[in-house]
Each structure stands twice: as structure tokens, then as C-alpha cells.
Amino acid sequence: DDFDVEKKVLLEDELKRVWHAIAQLPAKEQQIMRMKYVMEMPDEKIAKEVGLAPSSIRKYIGRAREQIKAIVYTE
């Protein structure tokens, strides 16, 4: 129905804004966010791939999420 279509359009718009925000992050944060949320890799595997400790991955993701929120909700 119309509500579902409107909801889908709003979600697609939100997703575009999130990807636009991710594209503004530094390269390492972009890479980590893609590995985590697109490739669905666990923190330990991401850490091994990028040469960081798993705890550092969680910190990168936390900071990146805050930056994304700031970009998405201030544009």
C-alpha cells in the first residue's frame, strides 16, 4: 500500500545519506565500516586484515558511527 511505498522511499533516502556520510570518513574508517557492515566480518578478522587490535576496531567503529550521525543529521 501507499504507506509501505513511502516508508521504503524514506529508508532508501536515509541509506543514501548514510553512504554519503561514510564516503566522507578517512579511508581507514571507510574500509573498516565496509568490512563490518557490508562484508559482515567479525571484529577479530577485520583487526587481522588492517593490522589493529580487535579493541581498536570497536573504537574505530564507535567513532565512525558518531561522525556518520553528525553528518547525516546536520545536512
PDB file of N, CA and C in Angstrom:
ATOM      1  N   ASP A   1       0.829  -1.194   0.000  1.00  0.00           N
ATOM      2  CA  ASP A   1       0.000   0.000   0.000  1.00  0.00           C
ATOM      3  C   ASP A   1       0.869   1.252   0.000  1.00  0.00           C
ATOM      4  N   ASP A   2       0.237   2.421  -0.012  1.00  0.00           N
ATOM      5  CA  ASP A   2       0.963   3.693  -0.100  1.00  0.00           C
ATOM      6  C   ASP A   2       1.926   3.903   1.055  1.00  0.00           C
ATOM      7  N   PHE A   3       1.517   3.474   2.251  1.00  0.00           N
ATOM      8  CA  PHE A   3       2.385   3.645   3.423  1.00  0.00           C
ATOM      9  C   PHE A   3       3.683   2.883   3.248  1.00  0.00           C
ATOM     10  N   ASP A   4       3.606   1.653   2.760  1.00  0.00           N
ATOM     11  CA  ASP A   4       4.815   0.842   2.558  1.00  0.00           C
ATOM     12  C   ASP A   4       5.743   1.475   1.524  1.00  0.00           C
ATOM     13  N   VAL A   5       5.173   2.021   0.466  1.00  0.00           N
ATOM     14  CA  VAL A   5       5.980   2.664  -0.568  1.00  0.00           C
ATOM     15  C   VAL A   5       6.670   3.900   0.007  1.00  0.00           C
ATOM     16  N   GLU A   6       5.929   4.696   0.750  1.00  0.00           N
ATOM     17  CA  GLU A   6       6.511   5.890   1.362  1.00  0.00           C
ATOM     18  C   GLU A   6       7.618   5.522   2.348  1.00  0.00           C
ATOM     19  N   LYS A   7       7.373   4.495   3.139  1.00  0.00           N
ATOM     20  CA  LYS A   7       8.362   4.030   4.104  1.00  0.00           C
ATOM     21  C   LYS A   7       9.636   3.567   3.388  1.00  0.00           C
ATOM     22  N   LYS A   8       9.471   2.842   2.288  1.00  0.00           N
ATOM     23  CA  LYS A   8      10.612   2.347   1.525  1.00  0.00           C
ATOM     24  C   LYS A   8      11.425   3.517   0.942  1.00  0.00           C
ATOM     25  N   VAL A   9      10.729   4.512   0.426  1.00  0.00           N
ATOM     26  CA  VAL A   9      11.409   5.675  -0.141  1.00  0.00           C
ATOM     27  C   VAL A   9      12.203   6.406   0.939  1.00  0.00           C
ATOM     28  N   LEU A  10      11.601   6.569   2.119  1.00  0.00           N
ATOM     29  CA  LEU A  10      12.294   7.234   3.219  1.00  0.00           C
ATOM     30  C   LEU A  10      13.527   6.452   3.665  1.00  0.00           C
ATOM     31  N   LEU A  11      13.412   5.128   3.737  1.00  0.00           N
ATOM     32  CA  LEU A  11      14.549   4.298   4.126  1.00  0.00           C
ATOM     33  C   LEU A  11      15.662   4.362   3.089  1.00  0.00           C
ATOM     34  N   GLU A  12      15.289   4.358   1.811  1.00  0.00           N
ATOM     35  CA  GLU A  12      16.298   4.455   0.757  1.00  0.00           C
ATOM     36  C   GLU A  12      17.023   5.795   0.819  1.00  0.00           C
ATOM     37  N   ASP A  13      16.276   6.868   1.098  1.00  0.00           N
ATOM     38  CA  ASP A  13      16.885   8.188   1.226  1.00  0.00           C
ATOM     39  C   ASP A  13      17.855   8.220   2.411  1.00  0.00           C
ATOM     40  N   GLU A  14      17.425   7.647   3.522  1.00  0.00           N
ATOM     41  CA  GLU A  14      18.281   7.588   4.720  1.00  0.00           C
ATOM     42  C   GLU A  14      19.556   6.796   4.430  1.00  0.00           C
ATOM     43  N   LEU A  15      19.420   5.691   3.743  1.00  0.00           N
ATOM     44  CA  LEU A  15      20.575   4.863   3.406  1.00  0.00           C
ATOM     45  C   LEU A  15      21.549   5.623   2.499  1.00  0.00           C
ATOM     46  N   LYS A  16      21.031   6.354   1.536  1.00  0.00           N
ATOM     47  CA  LYS A  16      21.895   7.163   0.667  1.00  0.00           C
ATOM     48  C   LYS A  16      22.665   8.189   1.484  1.00  0.00           C
ATOM     49  N   ARG A  17      21.991   8.811   2.443  1.00  0.00           N
ATOM     50  CA  ARG A  17      22.653   9.804   3.292  1.00  0.00           C
ATOM     51  C   ARG A  17      23.740   9.157   4.143  1.00  0.00           C
ATOM     52  N   VAL A  18      23.488   7.950   4.622  1.00  0.00           N
ATOM     53  CA  VAL A  18      24.494   7.241   5.420  1.00  0.00           C
ATOM     54  C   VAL A  18      25.713   6.915   4.556  1.00  0.00           C
ATOM     55  N   TRP A  19      25.489   6.397   3.350  1.00  0.00           N
ATOM     56  CA  TRP A  19      26.621   6.070   2.476  1.00  0.00           C
ATOM     57  C   TRP A  19      27.385   7.328   2.070  1.00  0.00           C
ATOM     58  N   HIS A  20      26.678   8.421   1.878  1.00  0.00           N
ATOM     59  CA  HIS A  20      27.336   9.702   1.585  1.00  0.00           C
ATOM     60  C   HIS A  20      28.222  10.106   2.768  1.00  0.00           C
ATOM     61  N   ALA A  21      27.721   9.920   3.977  1.00  0.00           N
ATOM     62  CA  ALA A  21      28.491  10.244   5.182  1.00  0.00           C
ATOM     63  C   ALA A  21      29.711   9.340   5.309  1.00  0.00           C
ATOM     64  N   ILE A  22      29.540   8.049   5.044  1.00  0.00           N
ATOM     65  CA  ILE A  22      30.672   7.118   5.112  1.00  0.00           C
ATOM     66  C   ILE A  22      31.758   7.531   4.126  1.00  0.00           C
ATOM     67  N   ALA A  23      31.346   7.987   2.946  1.00  0.00           N
ATOM     68  CA  ALA A  23      32.315   8.408   1.928  1.00  0.00           C
ATOM     69  C   ALA A  23      33.147   9.606   2.381  1.00  0.00           C
ATOM     70  N   GLN A  24      32.680  10.336   3.391  1.00  0.00           N
ATOM     71  CA  GLN A  24      33.409  11.498   3.898  1.00  0.00           C
ATOM     72  C   GLN A  24      34.397  11.132   5.014  1.00  0.00           C
ATOM     73  N   LEU A  25      34.344   9.900   5.482  1.00  0.00           N
ATOM     74  CA  LEU A  25      35.249   9.456   6.540  1.00  0.00           C
ATOM     75  C   LEU A  25      36.647   9.230   5.978  1.00  0.00           C
ATOM     76  N   PRO A  26      37.662   9.236   6.848  1.00  0.00           N
ATOM     77  CA  PRO A  26      39.003   8.865   6.393  1.00  0.00           C
ATOM     78  C   PRO A  26      39.001   7.435   5.833  1.00  0.00           C
ATOM     79  N   ALA A  27      39.941   7.141   4.957  1.00  0.00           N
ATOM     80  CA  ALA A  27      39.984   5.864   4.241  1.00  0.00           C
ATOM     81  C   ALA A  27      39.930   4.644   5.166  1.00  0.00           C
ATOM     82  N   LYS A  28      40.678   4.672   6.265  1.00  0.00           N
ATOM     83  CA  LYS A  28      40.708   3.506   7.150  1.00  0.00           C
ATOM     84  C   LYS A  28      39.334   3.263   7.780  1.00  0.00           C
ATOM     85  N   GLU A  29      38.650   4.338   8.196  1.00  0.00           N
ATOM     86  CA  GLU A  29      37.309   4.191   8.759  1.00  0.00           C
ATOM     87  C   GLU A  29      36.325   3.658   7.714  1.00  0.00           C
ATOM     88  N   GLN A  30      36.448   4.165   6.487  1.00  0.00           N
ATOM     89  CA  GLN A  30      35.588   3.666   5.409  1.00  0.00           C
ATOM     90  C   GLN A  30      35.792   2.162   5.225  1.00  0.00           C
ATOM     91  N   GLN A  31      37.051   1.757   5.173  1.00  0.00           N
ATOM     92  CA  GLN A  31      37.378   0.348   4.982  1.00  0.00           C
ATOM     93  C   GLN A  31      36.802  -0.502   6.110  1.00  0.00           C
ATOM     94  N   ILE A  32      36.990  -0.069   7.330  1.00  0.00           N
ATOM     95  CA  ILE A  32      36.513  -0.832   8.487  1.00  0.00           C
ATOM     96  C   ILE A  32      34.987  -0.909   8.488  1.00  0.00           C
ATOM     97  N   MET A  33      34.316   0.192   8.187  1.00  0.00           N
ATOM     98  CA  MET A  33      32.848   0.184   8.164  1.00  0.00           C
ATOM     99  C   MET A  33      32.324  -0.751   7.074  1.00  0.00           C
ATOM    100  N   ARG A  34      32.965  -0.751   5.923  1.00  0.00           N
ATOM    101  CA  ARG A  34      32.527  -1.660   4.850  1.00  0.00           C
ATOM    102  C   ARG A  34      32.758  -3.123   5.244  1.00  0.00           C
ATOM    103  N   MET A  35      33.920  -3.395   5.846  1.00  0.00           N
ATOM    104  CA  MET A  35      34.213  -4.770   6.270  1.00  0.00           C
ATOM    105  C   MET A  35      33.200  -5.233   7.315  1.00  0.00           C
ATOM    106  N   LYS A  36      32.837  -4.334   8.224  1.00  0.00           N
ATOM    107  CA  LYS A  36      31.920  -4.682   9.305  1.00  0.00           C
ATOM    108  C   LYS A  36      30.481  -4.832   8.814  1.00  0.00           C
ATOM    109  N   TYR A  37      29.990  -3.849   8.061  1.00  0.00           N
ATOM    110  CA  TYR A  37      28.567  -3.810   7.742  1.00  0.00           C
ATOM    111  C   TYR A  37      28.190  -4.297   6.353  1.00  0.00           C
ATOM    112  N   VAL A  38      29.117  -4.302   5.422  1.00  0.00           N
ATOM    113  CA  VAL A  38      28.813  -4.823   4.086  1.00  0.00           C
ATOM    114  C   VAL A  38      29.280  -6.270   3.983  1.00  0.00           C
ATOM    115  N   MET A  39      30.517  -6.504   4.391  1.00  0.00           N
ATOM    116  CA  MET A  39      31.082  -7.849   4.305  1.00  0.00           C
ATOM    117  C   MET A  39      30.735  -8.692   5.531  1.00  0.00           C
ATOM    118  N   GLU A  40      30.188  -8.020   6.566  1.00  0.00           N
ATOM    119  CA  GLU A  40      29.763  -8.682   7.803  1.00  0.00           C
ATOM    120  C   GLU A  40      30.877  -9.498   8.462  1.00  0.00           C
ATOM    121  N   MET A  41      32.065  -8.908   8.474  1.00  0.00           N
ATOM    122  CA  MET A  41      33.213  -9.579   9.077  1.00  0.00           C
ATOM    123  C   MET A  41      33.227  -9.331  10.586  1.00  0.00           C
ATOM    124  N   PRO A  42      33.668 -10.312  11.365  1.00  0.00           N
ATOM    125  CA  PRO A  42      33.801 -10.096  12.812  1.00  0.00           C
ATOM    126  C   PRO A  42      34.994  -9.170  13.102  1.00  0.00           C
ATOM    127  N   ASP A  43      34.938  -8.503  14.246  1.00  0.00           N
ATOM    128  CA  ASP A  43      35.984  -7.555  14.621  1.00  0.00           C
ATOM    129  C   ASP A  43      37.376  -8.169  14.580  1.00  0.00           C
ATOM    130  N   GLU A  44      37.496  -9.403  15.034  1.00  0.00           N
ATOM    131  CA  GLU A  44      38.805 -10.062  15.076  1.00  0.00           C
ATOM    132  C   GLU A  44      39.401 -10.216  13.679  1.00  0.00           C
ATOM    133  N   LYS A  45      38.568 -10.567  12.712  1.00  0.00           N
ATOM    134  CA  LYS A  45      39.059 -10.741  11.342  1.00  0.00           C
ATOM    135  C   LYS A  45      39.412  -9.382  10.723  1.00  0.00           C
ATOM    136  N   ILE A  46      38.588  -8.378  10.989  1.00  0.00           N
ATOM    137  CA  ILE A  46      38.884  -7.022  10.499  1.00  0.00           C
ATOM    138  C   ILE A  46      40.224  -6.572  11.075  1.00  0.00           C
ATOM    139  N   ALA A  47      40.399  -6.789  12.374  1.00  0.00           N
ATOM    140  CA  ALA A  47      41.641  -6.385  13.047  1.00  0.00           C
ATOM    141  C   ALA A  47      42.851  -7.013  12.372  1.00  0.00           C
ATOM    142  N   LYS A  48      42.749  -8.300  12.083  1.00  0.00           N
ATOM    143  CA  LYS A  48      43.862  -9.004  11.436  1.00  0.00           C
ATOM    144  C   LYS A  48      44.136  -8.425  10.048  1.00  0.00           C
ATOM    145  N   GLU A  49      43.073  -8.136   9.307  1.00  0.00           N
ATOM    146  CA  GLU A  49      43.212  -7.609   7.935  1.00  0.00           C
ATOM    147  C   GLU A  49      43.869  -6.221   7.905  1.00  0.00           C
ATOM    148  N   VAL A  50      43.511  -5.369   8.868  1.00  0.00           N
ATOM    149  CA  VAL A  50      44.025  -3.997   8.846  1.00  0.00           C
ATOM    150  C   VAL A  50      45.190  -3.769   9.797  1.00  0.00           C
ATOM    151  N   GLY A  51      45.580  -4.802  10.546  1.00  0.00           N
ATOM    152  CA  GLY A  51      46.742  -4.704  11.417  1.00  0.00           C
ATOM    153  C   GLY A  51      46.504  -3.930  12.710  1.00  0.00           C
ATOM    154  N   LEU A  52      45.309  -4.078  13.265  1.00  0.00           N
ATOM    155  CA  LEU A  52      44.977  -3.424  14.534  1.00  0.00           C
ATOM    156  C   LEU A  52      44.465  -4.458  15.531  1.00  0.00           C
ATOM    157  N   ALA A  53      44.383  -4.059  16.799  1.00  0.00           N
ATOM    158  CA  ALA A  53      43.798  -4.922  17.827  1.00  0.00           C
ATOM    159  C   ALA A  53      42.270  -4.894  17.691  1.00  0.00           C
ATOM    160  N   PRO A  54      41.589  -6.001  18.030  1.00  0.00           N
ATOM    161  CA  PRO A  54      40.121  -6.002  17.968  1.00  0.00           C
ATOM    162  C   PRO A  54      39.479  -4.864  18.766  1.00  0.00           C
ATOM    163  N   SER A  55      40.072  -4.503  19.901  1.00  0.00           N
ATOM    164  CA  SER A  55      39.522  -3.390  20.684  1.00  0.00           C
ATOM    165  C   SER A  55      39.632  -2.073  19.910  1.00  0.00           C
ATOM    166  N   SER A  56      40.659  -1.941  19.105  1.00  0.00           N
ATOM    167  CA  SER A  56      40.804  -0.745  18.274  1.00  0.00           C
ATOM    168  C   SER A  56      39.724  -0.688  17.205  1.00  0.00           C
ATOM    169  N   ILE A  57      39.344  -1.838  16.681  1.00  0.00           N
ATOM    170  CA  ILE A  57      38.286  -1.889  15.669  1.00  0.00           C
ATOM    171  C   ILE A  57      36.995  -1.355  16.266  1.00  0.00           C
ATOM    172  N   ARG A  58      36.670  -1.788  17.473  1.00  0.00           N
ATOM    173  CA  ARG A  58      35.447  -1.309  18.128  1.00  0.00           C
ATOM    174  C   ARG A  58      35.496   0.202  18.333  1.00  0.00           C
ATOM    175  N   LYS A  59      36.671   0.735  18.666  1.00  0.00           N
ATOM    176  CA  LYS A  59      36.819   2.182  18.844  1.00  0.00           C
ATOM    177  C   LYS A  59      36.650   2.913  17.504  1.00  0.00           C
ATOM    178  N   TYR A  60      37.260   2.386  16.452  1.00  0.00           N
ATOM    179  CA  TYR A  60      37.112   2.976  15.118  1.00  0.00           C
ATOM    180  C   TYR A  60      35.640   3.008  14.719  1.00  0.00           C
ATOM    181  N   ILE A  61      34.948   1.896  14.928  1.00  0.00           N
ATOM    182  CA  ILE A  61      33.536   1.806  14.548  1.00  0.00           C
ATOM    183  C   ILE A  61      32.707   2.794  15.368  1.00  0.00           C
ATOM    184  N   GLY A  62      32.967   2.877  16.653  1.00  0.00           N
ATOM    185  CA  GLY A  62      32.245   3.823  17.502  1.00  0.00           C
ATOM    186  C   GLY A  62      32.437   5.259  17.053  1.00  0.00           C
ATOM    187  N   ARG A  63      33.689   5.622  16.786  1.00  0.00           N
ATOM    188  CA  ARG A  63      33.971   6.986  16.321  1.00  0.00           C
ATOM    189  C   ARG A  63      33.339   7.244  14.956  1.00  0.00           C
ATOM    190  N   ALA A  64      33.445   6.275  14.071  1.00  0.00           N
ATOM    191  CA  ALA A  64      32.874   6.428  12.731  1.00  0.00           C
ATOM    192  C   ALA A  64      31.359   6.594  12.805  1.00  0.00           C
ATOM    193  N   ARG A  65      30.713   5.812  13.653  1.00  0.00           N
ATOM    194  CA  ARG A  65      29.255   5.936  13.797  1.00  0.00           C
ATOM    195  C   ARG A  65      28.869   7.311  14.310  1.00  0.00           C
ATOM    196  N   GLU A  66      29.632   7.857  15.243  1.00  0.00           N
ATOM    197  CA  GLU A  66      29.350   9.207  15.749  1.00  0.00           C
ATOM    198  C   GLU A  66      29.529  10.245  14.639  1.00  0.00           C
ATOM    199  N   GLN A  67      30.592  10.086  13.838  1.00  0.00           N
ATOM    200  CA  GLN A  67      30.824  11.010  12.727  1.00  0.00           C
ATOM    201  C   GLN A  67      29.695  10.913  11.701  1.00  0.00           C
ATOM    202  N   ILE A  68      29.255   9.703  11.418  1.00  0.00           N
ATOM    203  CA  ILE A  68      28.164   9.494  10.467  1.00  0.00           C
ATOM    204  C   ILE A  68      26.888  10.168  10.966  1.00  0.00           C
ATOM    205  N   LYS A  69      26.566   9.967  12.232  1.00  0.00           N
ATOM    206  CA  LYS A  69      25.374  10.610  12.797  1.00  0.00           C
ATOM    207  C   LYS A  69      25.471  12.128  12.667  1.00  0.00           C
ATOM    208  N   ALA A  70      26.627  12.665  12.983  1.00  0.00           N
ATOM    209  CA  ALA A  70      26.810  14.118  12.905  1.00  0.00           C
ATOM    210  C   ALA A  70      26.609  14.624  11.473  1.00  0.00           C
ATOM    211  N   ILE A  71      27.125  13.892  10.506  1.00  0.00           N
ATOM    212  CA  ILE A  71      26.994  14.297   9.101  1.00  0.00           C
ATOM    213  C   ILE A  71      25.545  14.154   8.651  1.00  0.00           C
ATOM    214  N   VAL A  72      24.932  13.009   8.910  1.00  0.00           N
ATOM    215  CA  VAL A  72      23.577  12.734   8.431  1.00  0.00           C
ATOM    216  C   VAL A  72      22.563  13.706   9.041  1.00  0.00           C
ATOM    217  N   TYR A  73      22.709  13.998  10.318  1.00  0.00           N
ATOM    218  CA  TYR A  73      21.687  14.804  10.987  1.00  0.00           C
ATOM    219  C   TYR A  73      21.972  16.298  10.999  1.00  0.00           C
ATOM    220  N   THR A  74      23.062  16.717  10.343  1.00  0.00           N
ATOM    221  CA  THR A  74      23.308  18.157  10.226  1.00  0.00           C
ATOM    222  C   THR A  74      23.219  18.636   8.782  1.00  0.00           C
ATOM    223  N   GLU A  75      23.055  17.717   7.857  1.00  0.00           N
ATOM    224  CA  GLU A  75      22.939  18.113   6.441  1.00  0.00           C
ATOM    225  C   GLU A  75      21.507  18.430   6.102  1.00  0.00           C
TER     226      GLU A  75
END
